[in-house]
Amino acid sequence: MNNTVHPTFTHVFMPDKFTDDEAAKQAIRAHAAKTYKGLLDEIEVMARQASPWMMGERPGALDAYALTLLRWGGFAGIDPTTQPATWDLAQRFAALPPVARAVEREKLMLNIYKPKA
């Protein structure tokens, strides 16, 4: 998650780090969003195998990272509900009392996806 998915998202969210050409920024963003979707598909496979959490009986860092990366997908135009196992995992993780307090304090929305008009 850290050395593939996360860096790929940087290209979606900050293409200006890689070029100052507007057309190139759009191309970088589009290519990275497509790649990001494929990487979320890989996390989805892992989430399907979670029992009940990514690393077994207790929630941990991978569950937190899966929630974060899935949430960021909304910025890339990816509906998190298209990743049902990861979406379920993210919602269960977000419902844990300490996580729920942080989500509330930060006023985070888990699903930030907005369909293009």
N, C-alpha and C. Protein backbone atom coordinates (compact mmCIF):
# COMPACT_ATOMS: atom_id res chain seq x y z
N MET A 1 0.82 -1.20 0.00
CA MET A 1 0.00 0.00 0.00
C MET A 1 0.86 1.26 0.00
N ASN A 2 1.95 1.21 0.72
CA ASN A 2 2.77 2.39 0.90
C ASN A 2 3.67 2.69 -0.30
N ASN A 3 4.18 1.66 -0.96
CA ASN A 3 5.14 1.95 -2.03
C ASN A 3 4.54 1.85 -3.43
N THR A 4 3.26 1.54 -3.54
CA THR A 4 2.63 1.52 -4.87
C THR A 4 1.38 2.40 -4.89
N VAL A 5 0.42 2.07 -4.05
CA VAL A 5 -0.86 2.78 -4.09
C VAL A 5 -0.69 4.24 -3.69
N HIS A 6 -0.04 4.48 -2.59
CA HIS A 6 0.13 5.84 -2.09
C HIS A 6 0.88 6.73 -3.10
N PRO A 7 2.03 6.30 -3.62
CA PRO A 7 2.71 7.16 -4.61
C PRO A 7 1.89 7.38 -5.89
N THR A 8 1.12 6.37 -6.28
CA THR A 8 0.27 6.54 -7.46
C THR A 8 -0.73 7.65 -7.23
N PHE A 9 -1.26 7.71 -6.01
CA PHE A 9 -2.25 8.75 -5.71
C PHE A 9 -1.63 10.14 -5.81
N THR A 10 -0.36 10.27 -5.49
CA THR A 10 0.30 11.56 -5.60
C THR A 10 0.15 12.11 -7.02
N HIS A 11 0.19 11.23 -8.00
CA HIS A 11 0.05 11.66 -9.40
C HIS A 11 -1.38 12.12 -9.69
N VAL A 12 -2.36 11.55 -8.99
CA VAL A 12 -3.75 11.98 -9.15
C VAL A 12 -3.95 13.35 -8.51
N PHE A 13 -3.48 13.47 -7.28
CA PHE A 13 -3.78 14.64 -6.46
C PHE A 13 -2.85 15.82 -6.73
N MET A 14 -1.61 15.54 -7.11
CA MET A 14 -0.64 16.62 -7.30
C MET A 14 0.16 16.46 -8.60
N PRO A 15 -0.50 16.43 -9.75
CA PRO A 15 0.26 16.28 -11.00
C PRO A 15 1.19 17.45 -11.27
N ASP A 16 0.94 18.58 -10.60
CA ASP A 16 1.81 19.74 -10.79
C ASP A 16 3.22 19.51 -10.23
N LYS A 17 3.39 18.44 -9.46
CA LYS A 17 4.74 18.08 -9.00
C LYS A 17 5.58 17.51 -10.15
N PHE A 18 4.90 17.13 -11.24
CA PHE A 18 5.58 16.42 -12.33
C PHE A 18 5.66 17.21 -13.63
N THR A 19 4.82 18.24 -13.74
CA THR A 19 4.85 19.07 -14.95
C THR A 19 4.11 20.38 -14.69
N ASP A 20 4.41 21.38 -15.50
CA ASP A 20 3.64 22.62 -15.41
C ASP A 20 2.72 22.78 -16.63
N ASP A 21 2.75 21.81 -17.52
CA ASP A 21 1.91 21.81 -18.72
C ASP A 21 0.51 21.29 -18.35
N GLU A 22 -0.51 22.11 -18.60
CA GLU A 22 -1.88 21.75 -18.20
C GLU A 22 -2.38 20.47 -18.87
N ALA A 23 -2.10 20.30 -20.13
CA ALA A 23 -2.54 19.09 -20.83
C ALA A 23 -1.84 17.86 -20.25
N ALA A 24 -0.56 18.02 -19.96
CA ALA A 24 0.20 16.91 -19.37
C ALA A 24 -0.34 16.58 -17.98
N LYS A 25 -0.71 17.59 -17.21
CA LYS A 25 -1.28 17.36 -15.88
C LYS A 25 -2.54 16.51 -15.98
N GLN A 26 -3.39 16.84 -16.94
CA GLN A 26 -4.63 16.08 -17.12
C GLN A 26 -4.33 14.64 -17.53
N ALA A 27 -3.34 14.47 -18.39
CA ALA A 27 -2.96 13.12 -18.82
C ALA A 27 -2.38 12.32 -17.66
N ILE A 28 -1.54 12.96 -16.86
CA ILE A 28 -0.96 12.29 -15.69
C ILE A 28 -2.07 11.88 -14.74
N ARG A 29 -2.97 12.80 -14.46
CA ARG A 29 -4.08 12.54 -13.53
C ARG A 29 -4.94 11.38 -14.04
N ALA A 30 -5.29 11.39 -15.31
CA ALA A 30 -6.15 10.34 -15.88
C ALA A 30 -5.46 8.98 -15.83
N HIS A 31 -4.19 8.95 -16.22
CA HIS A 31 -3.45 7.69 -16.21
C HIS A 31 -3.32 7.16 -14.77
N ALA A 32 -2.99 8.05 -13.85
CA ALA A 32 -2.82 7.63 -12.46
C ALA A 32 -4.14 7.15 -11.85
N ALA A 33 -5.25 7.78 -12.19
CA ALA A 33 -6.55 7.35 -11.67
C ALA A 33 -6.87 5.94 -12.14
N LYS A 34 -6.59 5.65 -13.40
CA LYS A 34 -6.82 4.31 -13.93
C LYS A 34 -5.92 3.29 -13.21
N THR A 35 -4.67 3.64 -13.03
CA THR A 35 -3.74 2.76 -12.32
C THR A 35 -4.18 2.58 -10.87
N TYR A 36 -4.60 3.67 -10.24
CA TYR A 36 -5.05 3.64 -8.84
C TYR A 36 -6.23 2.68 -8.68
N LYS A 37 -7.16 2.71 -9.63
CA LYS A 37 -8.31 1.81 -9.57
C LYS A 37 -7.85 0.36 -9.58
N GLY A 38 -6.89 0.03 -10.42
CA GLY A 38 -6.35 -1.33 -10.45
C GLY A 38 -5.70 -1.72 -9.13
N LEU A 39 -5.04 -0.79 -8.50
CA LEU A 39 -4.41 -1.07 -7.21
C LEU A 39 -5.47 -1.24 -6.12
N LEU A 40 -6.54 -0.45 -6.18
CA LEU A 40 -7.64 -0.66 -5.23
C LEU A 40 -8.28 -2.03 -5.44
N ASP A 41 -8.31 -2.49 -6.68
CA ASP A 41 -8.82 -3.84 -6.96
C ASP A 41 -7.97 -4.89 -6.25
N GLU A 42 -6.65 -4.66 -6.19
CA GLU A 42 -5.77 -5.59 -5.47
C GLU A 42 -6.05 -5.57 -3.97
N ILE A 43 -6.30 -4.39 -3.42
CA ILE A 43 -6.65 -4.29 -2.01
C ILE A 43 -7.99 -4.98 -1.76
N GLU A 44 -8.90 -4.89 -2.71
CA GLU A 44 -10.20 -5.54 -2.60
C GLU A 44 -10.03 -7.05 -2.42
N VAL A 45 -9.11 -7.64 -3.16
CA VAL A 45 -8.85 -9.08 -3.03
C VAL A 45 -8.37 -9.38 -1.60
N MET A 46 -7.49 -8.54 -1.08
CA MET A 46 -7.01 -8.73 0.29
C MET A 46 -8.14 -8.56 1.30
N ALA A 47 -8.99 -7.58 1.06
CA ALA A 47 -10.11 -7.32 1.98
C ALA A 47 -11.09 -8.50 1.99
N ARG A 48 -11.26 -9.14 0.85
CA ARG A 48 -12.15 -10.33 0.79
C ARG A 48 -11.60 -11.46 1.65
N GLN A 49 -10.29 -11.49 1.82
CA GLN A 49 -9.65 -12.55 2.60
C GLN A 49 -9.47 -12.15 4.06
N ALA A 50 -9.82 -10.93 4.43
CA ALA A 50 -9.66 -10.45 5.80
C ALA A 50 -10.51 -11.31 6.74
N SER A 51 -9.95 -11.60 7.90
CA SER A 51 -10.62 -12.53 8.80
C SER A 51 -10.49 -12.11 10.25
N PRO A 52 -11.24 -11.25 10.78
CA PRO A 52 -12.12 -10.29 10.10
C PRO A 52 -11.38 -9.04 9.63
N TRP A 53 -10.13 -8.87 10.09
CA TRP A 53 -9.32 -7.71 9.72
C TRP A 53 -8.20 -8.15 8.79
N MET A 54 -7.51 -7.21 8.20
CA MET A 54 -6.46 -7.52 7.23
C MET A 54 -5.39 -8.46 7.79
N MET A 55 -5.03 -8.27 9.06
CA MET A 55 -3.98 -9.10 9.65
C MET A 55 -4.54 -10.13 10.64
N GLY A 56 -5.84 -10.36 10.62
CA GLY A 56 -6.40 -11.39 11.48
C GLY A 56 -7.46 -10.89 12.44
N GLU A 57 -7.30 -11.26 13.69
CA GLU A 57 -8.34 -11.03 14.69
C GLU A 57 -8.47 -9.60 15.18
N ARG A 58 -7.41 -8.81 15.05
CA ARG A 58 -7.45 -7.45 15.58
C ARG A 58 -7.24 -6.42 14.48
N PRO A 59 -7.94 -5.29 14.57
CA PRO A 59 -7.72 -4.23 13.59
C PRO A 59 -6.32 -3.65 13.74
N GLY A 60 -5.77 -3.17 12.64
CA GLY A 60 -4.42 -2.63 12.70
C GLY A 60 -4.16 -1.59 11.62
N ALA A 61 -2.88 -1.35 11.41
CA ALA A 61 -2.45 -0.30 10.48
C ALA A 61 -2.92 -0.55 9.05
N LEU A 62 -2.93 -1.80 8.61
CA LEU A 62 -3.37 -2.07 7.23
C LEU A 62 -4.84 -1.73 7.03
N ASP A 63 -5.64 -1.94 8.06
CA ASP A 63 -7.06 -1.58 7.97
C ASP A 63 -7.21 -0.06 7.87
N ALA A 64 -6.42 0.66 8.68
CA ALA A 64 -6.46 2.12 8.62
C ALA A 64 -6.01 2.62 7.25
N TYR A 65 -4.97 2.00 6.72
CA TYR A 65 -4.46 2.42 5.41
C TYR A 65 -5.46 2.10 4.31
N ALA A 66 -6.10 0.94 4.39
CA ALA A 66 -7.12 0.58 3.40
C ALA A 66 -8.25 1.60 3.41
N LEU A 67 -8.68 2.02 4.60
CA LEU A 67 -9.73 3.03 4.71
C LEU A 67 -9.27 4.32 4.03
N THR A 68 -8.08 4.76 4.35
CA THR A 68 -7.55 6.01 3.79
C THR A 68 -7.45 5.95 2.27
N LEU A 69 -6.87 4.87 1.77
CA LEU A 69 -6.67 4.76 0.32
C LEU A 69 -7.99 4.65 -0.43
N LEU A 70 -8.94 3.92 0.14
CA LEU A 70 -10.25 3.80 -0.50
C LEU A 70 -10.94 5.16 -0.50
N ARG A 71 -10.85 5.87 0.62
CA ARG A 71 -11.45 7.21 0.70
C ARG A 71 -10.85 8.13 -0.35
N TRP A 72 -9.53 8.12 -0.47
CA TRP A 72 -8.87 8.96 -1.47
C TRP A 72 -9.33 8.64 -2.88
N GLY A 73 -9.75 7.42 -3.12
CA GLY A 73 -10.24 7.05 -4.45
C GLY A 73 -11.33 7.98 -4.94
N GLY A 74 -12.13 8.52 -4.02
CA GLY A 74 -13.16 9.46 -4.41
C GLY A 74 -12.60 10.66 -5.14
N PHE A 75 -11.41 11.12 -4.73
CA PHE A 75 -10.76 12.24 -5.42
C PHE A 75 -10.34 11.84 -6.83
N ALA A 76 -10.17 10.54 -7.05
CA ALA A 76 -9.76 10.03 -8.36
C ALA A 76 -10.97 9.61 -9.20
N GLY A 77 -12.18 9.90 -8.68
CA GLY A 77 -13.40 9.55 -9.41
C GLY A 77 -13.80 8.10 -9.25
N ILE A 78 -13.36 7.46 -8.17
CA ILE A 78 -13.66 6.04 -7.93
C ILE A 78 -14.67 5.94 -6.80
N ASP A 79 -15.80 5.34 -7.09
CA ASP A 79 -16.85 5.14 -6.09
C ASP A 79 -16.41 4.01 -5.15
N PRO A 80 -16.26 4.28 -3.85
CA PRO A 80 -15.78 3.24 -2.94
C PRO A 80 -16.71 2.03 -2.84
N THR A 81 -17.98 2.23 -3.15
CA THR A 81 -18.92 1.11 -3.05
C THR A 81 -18.69 0.07 -4.15
N THR A 82 -17.85 0.41 -5.15
CA THR A 82 -17.50 -0.58 -6.18
C THR A 82 -16.44 -1.55 -5.68
N GLN A 83 -15.96 -1.32 -4.46
CA GLN A 83 -15.00 -2.19 -3.79
C GLN A 83 -15.70 -2.70 -2.52
N PRO A 84 -16.69 -3.59 -2.65
CA PRO A 84 -17.57 -3.91 -1.51
C PRO A 84 -16.87 -4.46 -0.27
N ALA A 85 -15.89 -5.32 -0.43
CA ALA A 85 -15.22 -5.88 0.75
C ALA A 85 -14.38 -4.81 1.44
N THR A 86 -13.69 -3.98 0.66
CA THR A 86 -12.89 -2.91 1.24
C THR A 86 -13.79 -1.86 1.86
N TRP A 87 -14.90 -1.57 1.21
CA TRP A 87 -15.86 -0.59 1.73
C TRP A 87 -16.42 -1.08 3.07
N ASP A 88 -16.76 -2.36 3.15
CA ASP A 88 -17.25 -2.93 4.42
C ASP A 88 -16.16 -2.84 5.50
N LEU A 89 -14.95 -3.22 5.14
CA LEU A 89 -13.83 -3.16 6.08
C LEU A 89 -13.63 -1.72 6.57
N ALA A 90 -13.65 -0.78 5.67
CA ALA A 90 -13.45 0.63 6.02
C ALA A 90 -14.55 1.12 6.96
N GLN A 91 -15.78 0.75 6.68
CA GLN A 91 -16.88 1.18 7.54
C GLN A 91 -16.78 0.55 8.93
N ARG A 92 -16.41 -0.72 9.00
CA ARG A 92 -16.24 -1.37 10.30
C ARG A 92 -15.10 -0.73 11.08
N PHE A 93 -14.00 -0.43 10.38
CA PHE A 93 -12.86 0.19 11.04
C PHE A 93 -13.25 1.59 11.53
N ALA A 94 -13.95 2.34 10.69
CA ALA A 94 -14.36 3.70 11.07
C ALA A 94 -15.34 3.70 12.24
N ALA A 95 -16.03 2.60 12.46
CA ALA A 95 -16.99 2.51 13.56
C ALA A 95 -16.34 2.17 14.90
N LEU A 96 -15.07 1.76 14.89
CA LEU A 96 -14.38 1.49 16.15
C LEU A 96 -14.33 2.79 16.95
N PRO A 97 -14.64 2.74 18.25
CA PRO A 97 -14.75 3.98 19.02
C PRO A 97 -13.60 4.97 18.87
N PRO A 98 -12.33 4.57 18.97
CA PRO A 98 -11.28 5.60 18.81
C PRO A 98 -11.22 6.17 17.40
N VAL A 99 -11.49 5.34 16.41
CA VAL A 99 -11.47 5.82 15.02
C VAL A 99 -12.68 6.72 14.79
N ALA A 100 -13.83 6.31 15.29
CA ALA A 100 -15.05 7.11 15.13
C ALA A 100 -14.87 8.50 15.74
N ARG A 101 -14.19 8.57 16.89
CA ARG A 101 -13.94 9.88 17.51
C ARG A 101 -13.06 10.74 16.60
N ALA A 102 -12.03 10.14 16.01
CA ALA A 102 -11.15 10.89 15.11
C ALA A 102 -11.89 11.33 13.86
N VAL A 103 -12.70 10.45 13.29
CA VAL A 103 -13.48 10.78 12.10
C VAL A 103 -14.42 11.95 12.41
N GLU A 104 -15.06 11.89 13.57
CA GLU A 104 -15.98 12.97 13.95
C GLU A 104 -15.21 14.27 14.19
N ARG A 105 -14.11 14.18 14.94
CA ARG A 105 -13.33 15.38 15.25
C ARG A 105 -12.82 16.06 13.97
N GLU A 106 -12.38 15.27 13.02
CA GLU A 106 -11.84 15.81 11.77
C GLU A 106 -12.91 16.09 10.72
N LYS A 107 -14.15 15.73 11.05
CA LYS A 107 -15.29 15.93 10.14
C LYS A 107 -15.06 15.27 8.78
N LEU A 108 -14.55 14.02 8.84
CA LEU A 108 -14.26 13.28 7.62
C LEU A 108 -15.50 12.57 7.10
N MET A 109 -15.66 12.59 5.81
CA MET A 109 -16.67 11.78 5.15
C MET A 109 -15.94 10.58 4.56
N LEU A 110 -16.46 9.38 4.80
CA LEU A 110 -15.80 8.19 4.25
C LEU A 110 -15.96 8.13 2.74
N ASN A 111 -17.12 8.49 2.26
CA ASN A 111 -17.38 8.43 0.83
C ASN A 111 -17.39 9.85 0.28
N ILE A 112 -16.30 10.26 -0.34
CA ILE A 112 -16.20 11.59 -0.91
C ILE A 112 -16.40 11.60 -2.43
N TYR A 113 -16.73 10.43 -2.97
CA TYR A 113 -16.93 10.29 -4.42
C TYR A 113 -18.12 11.13 -4.86
N LYS A 114 -17.93 11.84 -5.96
CA LYS A 114 -19.01 12.60 -6.59
C LYS A 114 -19.03 12.26 -8.05
N PRO A 115 -20.13 11.66 -8.53
CA PRO A 115 -20.20 11.33 -9.96
C PRO A 115 -20.07 12.58 -10.81
N LYS A 116 -19.44 12.42 -11.95
CA LYS A 116 -19.31 13.55 -12.88
C LYS A 116 -20.67 13.81 -13.51
N ALA A 117 -20.99 15.07 -13.60
CA ALA A 117 -22.30 15.46 -14.17
C ALA A 117 -22.34 15.28 -15.65
